Amino acid sequence: MTDLFQYPMSYPGWWLSNYYYFTWTLAMLFLAGGWAFFYRYGKFSYGVDFGCFWKTTLLVFMTTIALGVPSYYNTKFVAQHGNDGDSIALSPDRIEYRYRNGEKKMFLLKDIVSIYQEPVTYNPPPKIFIVAKNAGLRDSITVTEGKFGLPDADKLLSALSAKTGLPVKRP
C-alpha cells in the first residue's frame, strides 16, 4: 500500500512560480524613483558640496534597500513555501518525491543510506535529508518539518525508518 504525504499550498501556483519577478520589479521601480529624484534635483558639478553628498547618500540607501529587501523576502519565502504543492509517496519498495511542477525523484528503499536532520539551519524550517546511494552516485530529498512543513512528517519518517531499518538522526 502506498502512503501519500502532501505539502499544503498556501499561495496560488502562479505566485509560487513567479513571486521573485514581482519582488525584483518593484525593487527596481523603487530604485528608478531614487534615480529620477536624483536627476530632477541633482546638481551636476565637479565640486564636492553637501547637496551632492546627501543625494549620493540617498542613492546608496535606496540601492541597498532595492537589493536587500527582495533578497531577504525571497530567501524567507523559499524557506517557508519552497515545498508547497509537493508530495511524497512511500510504497513498500520505494520513496517518490513529486515536485509541484511535475518533476519526480525516486529512490529504492534498499538504496537509502541515511536519514538525518541538518545540525545547523540557515532558514527556520528544519529539514530532514533522506540520502540514497545508487551506482556510486549520492542524491537526496528533503522533508521539511515545522509550521510550514509537511503535515504528518513524523509519521512519514517513522514509517520510512521502519521500512529501511535506519534511524532518523537528529542533532
N, C-alpha and C. Protein backbone atom coordinates (compact mmCIF):
# COMPACT_ATOMS: atom_id res chain seq x y z
N MET A 1 0.84 -1.18 0.00
CA MET A 1 0.00 0.00 0.00
C MET A 1 0.89 1.25 0.00
N THR A 2 0.52 2.21 -0.80
CA THR A 2 1.29 3.44 -0.90
C THR A 2 0.70 4.51 0.00
N ASP A 3 1.57 5.13 0.81
CA ASP A 3 1.15 6.25 1.64
C ASP A 3 1.53 7.54 0.91
N LEU A 4 0.62 8.49 0.87
CA LEU A 4 0.86 9.75 0.19
C LEU A 4 0.84 10.89 1.21
N PHE A 5 1.91 11.68 1.20
CA PHE A 5 2.03 12.84 2.07
C PHE A 5 2.19 14.06 1.16
N GLN A 6 1.43 15.12 1.45
CA GLN A 6 1.48 16.28 0.57
C GLN A 6 1.62 17.57 1.37
N TYR A 7 2.51 18.45 0.87
CA TYR A 7 2.65 19.78 1.45
C TYR A 7 1.42 20.61 1.05
N PRO A 8 0.90 21.41 1.96
CA PRO A 8 -0.24 22.26 1.58
C PRO A 8 0.22 23.40 0.67
N MET A 9 -0.72 23.93 -0.10
CA MET A 9 -0.43 25.09 -0.96
C MET A 9 -1.09 26.30 -0.33
N SER A 10 -0.28 27.15 0.29
CA SER A 10 -0.81 28.33 0.96
C SER A 10 -0.91 29.53 0.03
N TYR A 11 -0.34 29.45 -1.15
CA TYR A 11 -0.41 30.51 -2.15
C TYR A 11 -0.79 29.88 -3.49
N PRO A 12 -1.35 30.67 -4.41
CA PRO A 12 -1.66 30.12 -5.73
C PRO A 12 -0.38 29.70 -6.47
N GLY A 13 -0.52 28.74 -7.34
CA GLY A 13 0.62 28.22 -8.07
C GLY A 13 1.36 29.26 -8.89
N TRP A 14 0.64 30.22 -9.50
CA TRP A 14 1.30 31.26 -10.30
C TRP A 14 2.19 32.13 -9.43
N TRP A 15 1.79 32.39 -8.16
CA TRP A 15 2.62 33.21 -7.27
C TRP A 15 3.84 32.43 -6.83
N LEU A 16 3.68 31.14 -6.53
CA LEU A 16 4.81 30.31 -6.11
C LEU A 16 5.85 30.19 -7.21
N SER A 17 5.42 30.24 -8.46
CA SER A 17 6.35 30.11 -9.58
C SER A 17 6.96 31.43 -10.02
N ASN A 18 6.35 32.57 -9.67
CA ASN A 18 6.79 33.86 -10.23
C ASN A 18 6.98 34.97 -9.21
N TYR A 19 6.95 34.68 -7.92
CA TYR A 19 7.00 35.77 -6.92
C TYR A 19 8.27 36.61 -7.05
N TYR A 20 9.39 36.01 -7.42
CA TYR A 20 10.65 36.75 -7.47
C TYR A 20 10.66 37.78 -8.59
N TYR A 21 9.92 37.54 -9.67
CA TYR A 21 9.82 38.55 -10.72
C TYR A 21 9.14 39.80 -10.18
N PHE A 22 8.08 39.62 -9.42
CA PHE A 22 7.34 40.76 -8.88
C PHE A 22 8.17 41.52 -7.85
N THR A 23 8.84 40.81 -6.96
CA THR A 23 9.61 41.49 -5.92
C THR A 23 10.77 42.28 -6.53
N TRP A 24 11.47 41.70 -7.48
CA TRP A 24 12.60 42.42 -8.09
C TRP A 24 12.12 43.57 -8.97
N THR A 25 10.99 43.42 -9.65
CA THR A 25 10.44 44.52 -10.45
C THR A 25 10.07 45.69 -9.56
N LEU A 26 9.39 45.43 -8.45
CA LEU A 26 9.05 46.50 -7.52
C LEU A 26 10.30 47.16 -6.95
N ALA A 27 11.32 46.38 -6.65
CA ALA A 27 12.56 46.93 -6.11
C ALA A 27 13.26 47.82 -7.14
N MET A 28 13.27 47.39 -8.39
CA MET A 28 13.91 48.21 -9.41
C MET A 28 13.10 49.48 -9.71
N LEU A 29 11.78 49.42 -9.57
CA LEU A 29 10.98 50.64 -9.71
C LEU A 29 11.28 51.60 -8.56
N PHE A 30 11.47 51.07 -7.37
CA PHE A 30 11.85 51.89 -6.22
C PHE A 30 13.20 52.57 -6.48
N LEU A 31 14.15 51.80 -6.99
CA LEU A 31 15.47 52.36 -7.31
C LEU A 31 15.38 53.38 -8.44
N ALA A 32 14.55 53.11 -9.43
CA ALA A 32 14.36 54.06 -10.52
C ALA A 32 13.78 55.37 -10.01
N GLY A 33 12.90 55.30 -9.03
CA GLY A 33 12.37 56.52 -8.40
C GLY A 33 13.47 57.32 -7.74
N GLY A 34 14.40 56.65 -7.09
CA GLY A 34 15.54 57.34 -6.47
C GLY A 34 16.40 58.03 -7.51
N TRP A 35 16.65 57.35 -8.62
CA TRP A 35 17.45 57.96 -9.69
C TRP A 35 16.69 59.12 -10.34
N ALA A 36 15.38 58.99 -10.49
CA ALA A 36 14.59 60.08 -11.06
C ALA A 36 14.66 61.31 -10.16
N PHE A 37 14.58 61.10 -8.86
CA PHE A 37 14.71 62.21 -7.92
C PHE A 37 16.09 62.84 -8.02
N PHE A 38 17.11 61.99 -8.14
CA PHE A 38 18.48 62.48 -8.25
C PHE A 38 18.66 63.33 -9.51
N TYR A 39 18.15 62.85 -10.64
CA TYR A 39 18.32 63.60 -11.89
C TYR A 39 17.48 64.87 -11.92
N ARG A 40 16.33 64.83 -11.25
CA ARG A 40 15.48 66.04 -11.23
C ARG A 40 16.10 67.13 -10.38
N TYR A 41 16.62 66.77 -9.22
CA TYR A 41 17.12 67.77 -8.28
C TYR A 41 18.64 67.73 -8.13
N GLY A 42 19.32 66.95 -8.93
CA GLY A 42 20.76 66.82 -8.80
C GLY A 42 21.51 68.04 -9.28
N LYS A 43 22.60 68.32 -8.62
CA LYS A 43 23.49 69.41 -9.04
C LYS A 43 24.73 68.74 -9.62
N PHE A 44 24.92 68.86 -10.91
CA PHE A 44 26.00 68.15 -11.56
C PHE A 44 27.18 69.08 -11.77
N SER A 45 28.09 69.05 -10.83
CA SER A 45 29.31 69.84 -10.94
C SER A 45 30.47 68.97 -10.45
N TYR A 46 31.67 69.43 -10.74
CA TYR A 46 32.83 68.65 -10.33
C TYR A 46 33.25 68.94 -8.89
N GLY A 47 32.68 69.95 -8.29
CA GLY A 47 33.00 70.26 -6.91
C GLY A 47 32.20 69.39 -5.96
N VAL A 48 32.74 69.16 -4.78
CA VAL A 48 32.04 68.38 -3.76
C VAL A 48 31.32 69.36 -2.85
N ASP A 49 30.02 69.19 -2.70
CA ASP A 49 29.27 70.01 -1.78
C ASP A 49 28.27 69.13 -1.04
N PHE A 50 27.59 69.70 -0.07
CA PHE A 50 26.67 68.90 0.74
C PHE A 50 25.44 68.46 -0.05
N GLY A 51 25.06 69.23 -1.07
CA GLY A 51 23.93 68.82 -1.90
C GLY A 51 24.23 67.52 -2.61
N CYS A 52 25.43 67.39 -3.11
CA CYS A 52 25.84 66.15 -3.78
C CYS A 52 25.96 65.02 -2.76
N PHE A 53 26.44 65.35 -1.56
CA PHE A 53 26.64 64.32 -0.53
C PHE A 53 25.32 63.67 -0.11
N TRP A 54 24.30 64.48 0.16
CA TRP A 54 23.06 63.86 0.63
C TRP A 54 22.34 63.14 -0.47
N LYS A 55 22.49 63.58 -1.71
CA LYS A 55 21.85 62.88 -2.82
C LYS A 55 22.57 61.54 -3.10
N THR A 56 23.87 61.54 -2.97
CA THR A 56 24.62 60.29 -3.13
C THR A 56 24.27 59.32 -2.00
N THR A 57 24.15 59.84 -0.81
CA THR A 57 23.74 59.01 0.33
C THR A 57 22.35 58.42 0.09
N LEU A 58 21.46 59.23 -0.45
CA LEU A 58 20.11 58.76 -0.78
C LEU A 58 20.18 57.61 -1.78
N LEU A 59 21.00 57.74 -2.82
CA LEU A 59 21.11 56.69 -3.83
C LEU A 59 21.71 55.41 -3.24
N VAL A 60 22.72 55.56 -2.40
CA VAL A 60 23.31 54.37 -1.77
C VAL A 60 22.27 53.68 -0.88
N PHE A 61 21.53 54.46 -0.12
CA PHE A 61 20.49 53.92 0.75
C PHE A 61 19.41 53.22 -0.07
N MET A 62 18.94 53.85 -1.13
CA MET A 62 17.88 53.26 -1.96
C MET A 62 18.38 52.01 -2.69
N THR A 63 19.64 52.01 -3.11
CA THR A 63 20.20 50.82 -3.75
C THR A 63 20.29 49.66 -2.76
N THR A 64 20.70 49.97 -1.53
CA THR A 64 20.77 48.94 -0.50
C THR A 64 19.39 48.33 -0.25
N ILE A 65 18.38 49.18 -0.14
CA ILE A 65 17.01 48.69 0.06
C ILE A 65 16.54 47.89 -1.15
N ALA A 66 16.79 48.42 -2.37
CA ALA A 66 16.30 47.76 -3.58
C ALA A 66 16.94 46.39 -3.80
N LEU A 67 18.17 46.20 -3.34
CA LEU A 67 18.81 44.89 -3.50
C LEU A 67 18.59 43.99 -2.28
N GLY A 68 18.50 44.58 -1.10
CA GLY A 68 18.41 43.79 0.13
C GLY A 68 17.03 43.27 0.45
N VAL A 69 16.00 44.09 0.28
CA VAL A 69 14.65 43.68 0.66
C VAL A 69 14.15 42.50 -0.19
N PRO A 70 14.25 42.54 -1.52
CA PRO A 70 13.81 41.36 -2.28
C PRO A 70 14.62 40.11 -1.95
N SER A 71 15.92 40.28 -1.73
CA SER A 71 16.74 39.14 -1.39
C SER A 71 16.30 38.52 -0.07
N TYR A 72 16.03 39.35 0.92
CA TYR A 72 15.54 38.87 2.22
C TYR A 72 14.19 38.19 2.06
N TYR A 73 13.25 38.85 1.36
CA TYR A 73 11.92 38.28 1.18
C TYR A 73 11.97 36.96 0.42
N ASN A 74 12.73 36.93 -0.67
CA ASN A 74 12.79 35.71 -1.48
C ASN A 74 13.44 34.56 -0.72
N THR A 75 14.47 34.84 0.06
CA THR A 75 15.12 33.79 0.86
C THR A 75 14.15 33.25 1.90
N LYS A 76 13.46 34.13 2.58
CA LYS A 76 12.50 33.71 3.61
C LYS A 76 11.32 32.96 2.97
N PHE A 77 10.83 33.46 1.84
CA PHE A 77 9.69 32.85 1.18
C PHE A 77 10.01 31.43 0.71
N VAL A 78 11.16 31.25 0.09
CA VAL A 78 11.51 29.92 -0.41
C VAL A 78 11.78 28.97 0.76
N ALA A 79 12.27 29.48 1.88
CA ALA A 79 12.47 28.62 3.06
C ALA A 79 11.14 28.14 3.61
N GLN A 80 10.14 29.00 3.60
CA GLN A 80 8.86 28.64 4.20
C GLN A 80 7.90 27.99 3.21
N HIS A 81 7.98 28.35 1.94
CA HIS A 81 6.99 27.87 0.98
C HIS A 81 7.60 27.21 -0.25
N GLY A 82 8.87 26.86 -0.18
CA GLY A 82 9.53 26.26 -1.34
C GLY A 82 9.02 24.88 -1.69
N ASN A 83 8.38 24.20 -0.73
CA ASN A 83 7.87 22.86 -0.98
C ASN A 83 6.37 22.81 -1.20
N ASP A 84 5.70 23.96 -1.16
CA ASP A 84 4.24 23.97 -1.28
C ASP A 84 3.79 23.25 -2.54
N GLY A 85 2.83 22.36 -2.40
CA GLY A 85 2.30 21.61 -3.52
C GLY A 85 3.05 20.34 -3.85
N ASP A 86 4.22 20.12 -3.26
CA ASP A 86 4.99 18.90 -3.49
C ASP A 86 4.36 17.75 -2.71
N SER A 87 4.63 16.53 -3.14
CA SER A 87 4.10 15.36 -2.43
C SER A 87 5.15 14.26 -2.37
N ILE A 88 4.98 13.40 -1.38
CA ILE A 88 5.89 12.27 -1.19
C ILE A 88 5.05 11.01 -1.11
N ALA A 89 5.37 10.04 -1.97
CA ALA A 89 4.69 8.75 -1.97
C ALA A 89 5.65 7.70 -1.43
N LEU A 90 5.21 7.01 -0.40
CA LEU A 90 6.03 5.96 0.21
C LEU A 90 5.35 4.62 -0.05
N SER A 91 5.96 3.81 -0.88
CA SER A 91 5.42 2.49 -1.20
C SER A 91 6.30 1.44 -0.52
N PRO A 92 5.94 0.17 -0.59
CA PRO A 92 6.72 -0.85 0.11
C PRO A 92 8.17 -0.98 -0.36
N ASP A 93 8.48 -0.58 -1.59
CA ASP A 93 9.84 -0.76 -2.08
C ASP A 93 10.55 0.53 -2.49
N ARG A 94 9.85 1.69 -2.48
CA ARG A 94 10.49 2.94 -2.92
C ARG A 94 9.83 4.15 -2.28
N ILE A 95 10.55 5.27 -2.39
CA ILE A 95 10.03 6.57 -2.00
C ILE A 95 10.12 7.47 -3.22
N GLU A 96 9.05 8.19 -3.49
CA GLU A 96 9.00 9.05 -4.67
C GLU A 96 8.60 10.46 -4.26
N TYR A 97 9.43 11.42 -4.62
CA TYR A 97 9.15 12.82 -4.34
C TYR A 97 8.67 13.47 -5.63
N ARG A 98 7.48 14.05 -5.60
CA ARG A 98 6.90 14.70 -6.78
C ARG A 98 6.84 16.20 -6.54
N TYR A 99 7.53 16.93 -7.38
CA TYR A 99 7.52 18.39 -7.28
C TYR A 99 6.22 18.95 -7.83
N ARG A 100 5.92 20.19 -7.45
CA ARG A 100 4.70 20.86 -7.88
C ARG A 100 4.64 20.99 -9.40
N ASN A 101 5.78 21.15 -10.04
CA ASN A 101 5.80 21.35 -11.49
C ASN A 101 5.76 20.04 -12.28
N GLY A 102 5.67 18.90 -11.60
CA GLY A 102 5.52 17.62 -12.28
C GLY A 102 6.76 16.75 -12.29
N GLU A 103 7.92 17.31 -11.94
CA GLU A 103 9.14 16.50 -11.91
C GLU A 103 9.09 15.51 -10.76
N LYS A 104 9.83 14.40 -10.92
CA LYS A 104 9.85 13.35 -9.89
C LYS A 104 11.28 12.97 -9.57
N LYS A 105 11.45 12.52 -8.34
CA LYS A 105 12.72 11.96 -7.90
C LYS A 105 12.37 10.71 -7.10
N MET A 106 12.96 9.56 -7.45
CA MET A 106 12.60 8.31 -6.82
C MET A 106 13.84 7.56 -6.35
N PHE A 107 13.73 6.96 -5.15
CA PHE A 107 14.78 6.11 -4.61
C PHE A 107 14.16 4.78 -4.20
N LEU A 108 14.91 3.71 -4.43
CA LEU A 108 14.52 2.43 -3.85
C LEU A 108 14.90 2.46 -2.38
N LEU A 109 14.08 1.85 -1.54
CA LEU A 109 14.35 1.87 -0.10
C LEU A 109 15.67 1.19 0.24
N LYS A 110 16.05 0.19 -0.54
CA LYS A 110 17.31 -0.51 -0.27
C LYS A 110 18.54 0.36 -0.57
N ASP A 111 18.36 1.45 -1.35
CA ASP A 111 19.47 2.33 -1.69
C ASP A 111 19.67 3.47 -0.69
N ILE A 112 18.73 3.64 0.23
CA ILE A 112 18.83 4.73 1.21
C ILE A 112 19.90 4.38 2.23
N VAL A 113 20.84 5.31 2.43
CA VAL A 113 21.96 5.06 3.34
C VAL A 113 21.87 5.84 4.65
N SER A 114 21.15 6.95 4.67
CA SER A 114 21.00 7.69 5.92
C SER A 114 19.79 8.61 5.88
N ILE A 115 19.27 8.88 7.08
CA ILE A 115 18.17 9.81 7.27
C ILE A 115 18.59 10.70 8.44
N TYR A 116 18.81 11.98 8.16
CA TYR A 116 19.31 12.84 9.23
C TYR A 116 18.80 14.27 9.08
N GLN A 117 18.80 14.98 10.21
CA GLN A 117 18.46 16.40 10.20
C GLN A 117 19.74 17.20 10.17
N GLU A 118 19.75 18.26 9.38
CA GLU A 118 20.95 19.09 9.33
C GLU A 118 21.18 19.73 10.71
N PRO A 119 22.43 19.77 11.16
CA PRO A 119 22.71 20.27 12.51
C PRO A 119 22.46 21.77 12.67
N VAL A 120 22.76 22.55 11.65
CA VAL A 120 22.55 23.99 11.72
C VAL A 120 21.69 24.37 10.53
N THR A 121 20.61 25.11 10.80
CA THR A 121 19.74 25.52 9.70
C THR A 121 19.94 26.99 9.42
N TYR A 122 20.08 27.32 8.15
CA TYR A 122 20.22 28.72 7.74
C TYR A 122 18.86 29.39 7.79
N ASN A 123 17.85 28.70 7.39
CA ASN A 123 16.48 29.21 7.41
C ASN A 123 15.68 28.42 8.42
N PRO A 124 14.62 29.01 8.96
CA PRO A 124 13.93 28.43 10.10
C PRO A 124 13.42 27.00 9.98
N PRO A 125 12.77 26.59 8.90
CA PRO A 125 12.21 25.23 8.94
C PRO A 125 13.31 24.17 8.95
N PRO A 126 13.33 23.29 9.96
CA PRO A 126 14.32 22.21 9.96
C PRO A 126 14.03 21.22 8.82
N LYS A 127 15.08 20.76 8.18
CA LYS A 127 14.94 19.82 7.07
C LYS A 127 15.57 18.49 7.44
N ILE A 128 14.89 17.42 7.07
CA ILE A 128 15.39 16.07 7.25
C ILE A 128 15.83 15.59 5.87
N PHE A 129 17.09 15.18 5.76
CA PHE A 129 17.63 14.69 4.50
C PHE A 129 17.49 13.18 4.44
N ILE A 130 17.01 12.69 3.31
CA ILE A 130 16.94 11.26 3.03
C ILE A 130 17.94 11.03 1.90
N VAL A 131 19.06 10.40 2.24
CA VAL A 131 20.17 10.25 1.31
C VAL A 131 20.20 8.82 0.77
N ALA A 132 20.32 8.72 -0.55
CA ALA A 132 20.40 7.41 -1.20
C ALA A 132 21.67 7.36 -2.05
N LYS A 133 22.19 6.16 -2.17
CA LYS A 133 23.39 5.95 -2.98
C LYS A 133 23.08 4.81 -3.95
N ASN A 134 23.25 5.11 -5.24
CA ASN A 134 22.97 4.11 -6.26
C ASN A 134 24.04 4.23 -7.34
N ALA A 135 24.69 3.14 -7.63
CA ALA A 135 25.74 3.08 -8.66
C ALA A 135 26.82 4.12 -8.41
N GLY A 136 27.17 4.32 -7.16
CA GLY A 136 28.24 5.25 -6.81
C GLY A 136 27.81 6.71 -6.74
N LEU A 137 26.58 7.01 -7.08
CA LEU A 137 26.09 8.38 -7.03
C LEU A 137 25.24 8.60 -5.78
N ARG A 138 25.40 9.77 -5.17
CA ARG A 138 24.61 10.12 -3.99
C ARG A 138 23.61 11.20 -4.38
N ASP A 139 22.41 11.04 -3.90
CA ASP A 139 21.37 12.03 -4.13
C ASP A 139 20.49 12.06 -2.89
N SER A 140 19.74 13.12 -2.73
CA SER A 140 18.89 13.21 -1.54
C SER A 140 17.61 13.96 -1.84
N ILE A 141 16.66 13.75 -0.98
CA ILE A 141 15.44 14.55 -0.95
C ILE A 141 15.30 15.06 0.48
N THR A 142 14.55 16.12 0.64
CA THR A 142 14.37 16.68 1.97
C THR A 142 12.91 16.69 2.36
N VAL A 143 12.70 16.55 3.65
CA VAL A 143 11.38 16.67 4.24
C VAL A 143 11.47 17.82 5.24
N THR A 144 10.62 18.80 5.08
CA THR A 144 10.63 19.97 5.95
C THR A 144 9.62 19.77 7.07
N GLU A 145 10.07 20.04 8.28
CA GLU A 145 9.19 19.93 9.45
C GLU A 145 8.78 21.33 9.90
N GLY A 146 7.92 21.38 10.89
CA GLY A 146 7.57 22.66 11.49
C GLY A 146 6.28 23.23 10.95
N LYS A 147 6.08 24.50 11.28
CA LYS A 147 4.84 25.20 10.95
C LYS A 147 4.56 25.21 9.44
N PHE A 148 5.59 25.40 8.64
CA PHE A 148 5.43 25.48 7.18
C PHE A 148 5.83 24.19 6.49
N GLY A 149 5.97 23.13 7.26
CA GLY A 149 6.47 21.88 6.71
C GLY A 149 5.38 20.90 6.32
N LEU A 150 5.81 19.68 6.15
CA LEU A 150 4.93 18.60 5.73
C LEU A 150 4.05 18.15 6.89
N PRO A 151 2.74 18.19 6.71
CA PRO A 151 1.88 17.62 7.75
C PRO A 151 2.16 16.11 7.86
N ASP A 152 2.15 15.59 9.05
CA ASP A 152 2.44 14.18 9.32
C ASP A 152 3.86 13.79 8.92
N ALA A 153 4.80 14.72 9.04
CA ALA A 153 6.20 14.41 8.72
C ALA A 153 6.74 13.33 9.66
N ASP A 154 6.33 13.36 10.91
CA ASP A 154 6.79 12.35 11.86
C ASP A 154 6.30 10.96 11.47
N LYS A 155 5.07 10.88 10.98
CA LYS A 155 4.51 9.60 10.52
C LYS A 155 5.31 9.07 9.32
N LEU A 156 5.64 9.96 8.38
CA LEU A 156 6.43 9.56 7.22
C LEU A 156 7.80 9.07 7.64
N LEU A 157 8.46 9.82 8.52
CA LEU A 157 9.81 9.46 8.93
C LEU A 157 9.84 8.17 9.73
N SER A 158 8.86 7.96 10.59
CA SER A 158 8.83 6.70 11.35
C SER A 158 8.53 5.52 10.44
N ALA A 159 7.63 5.68 9.47
CA ALA A 159 7.36 4.60 8.53
C ALA A 159 8.58 4.31 7.66
N LEU A 160 9.26 5.36 7.21
CA LEU A 160 10.47 5.18 6.40
C LEU A 160 11.57 4.51 7.22
N SER A 161 11.72 4.93 8.47
CA SER A 161 12.72 4.33 9.35
C SER A 161 12.43 2.85 9.59
N ALA A 162 11.17 2.52 9.77
CA ALA A 162 10.79 1.12 9.98
C ALA A 162 11.06 0.28 8.73
N LYS A 163 10.78 0.84 7.56
CA LYS A 163 10.97 0.07 6.31
C LYS A 163 12.44 -0.09 5.93
N THR A 164 13.26 0.92 6.24
CA THR A 164 14.67 0.84 5.86
C THR A 164 15.56 0.28 6.97
N GLY A 165 15.08 0.36 8.20
CA GLY A 165 15.89 -0.09 9.33
C GLY A 165 16.93 0.94 9.76
N LEU A 166 16.85 2.16 9.21
CA LEU A 166 17.78 3.22 9.56
C LEU A 166 17.11 4.19 10.54
N PRO A 167 17.83 4.61 11.58
CA PRO A 167 17.24 5.58 12.50
C PRO A 167 17.29 6.98 11.91
N VAL A 168 16.38 7.83 12.36
CA VAL A 168 16.38 9.24 11.97
C VAL A 168 17.32 9.94 12.95
N LYS A 169 18.46 10.42 12.45
CA LYS A 169 19.45 11.07 13.31
C LYS A 169 19.11 12.55 13.43
N ARG A 170 19.02 13.01 14.68
CA ARG A 170 18.73 14.41 14.96
C ARG A 170 19.84 14.99 15.82
N PRO A 171 20.14 16.29 15.66
CA PRO A 171 21.22 16.89 16.46
C PRO A 171 20.86 16.97 17.94
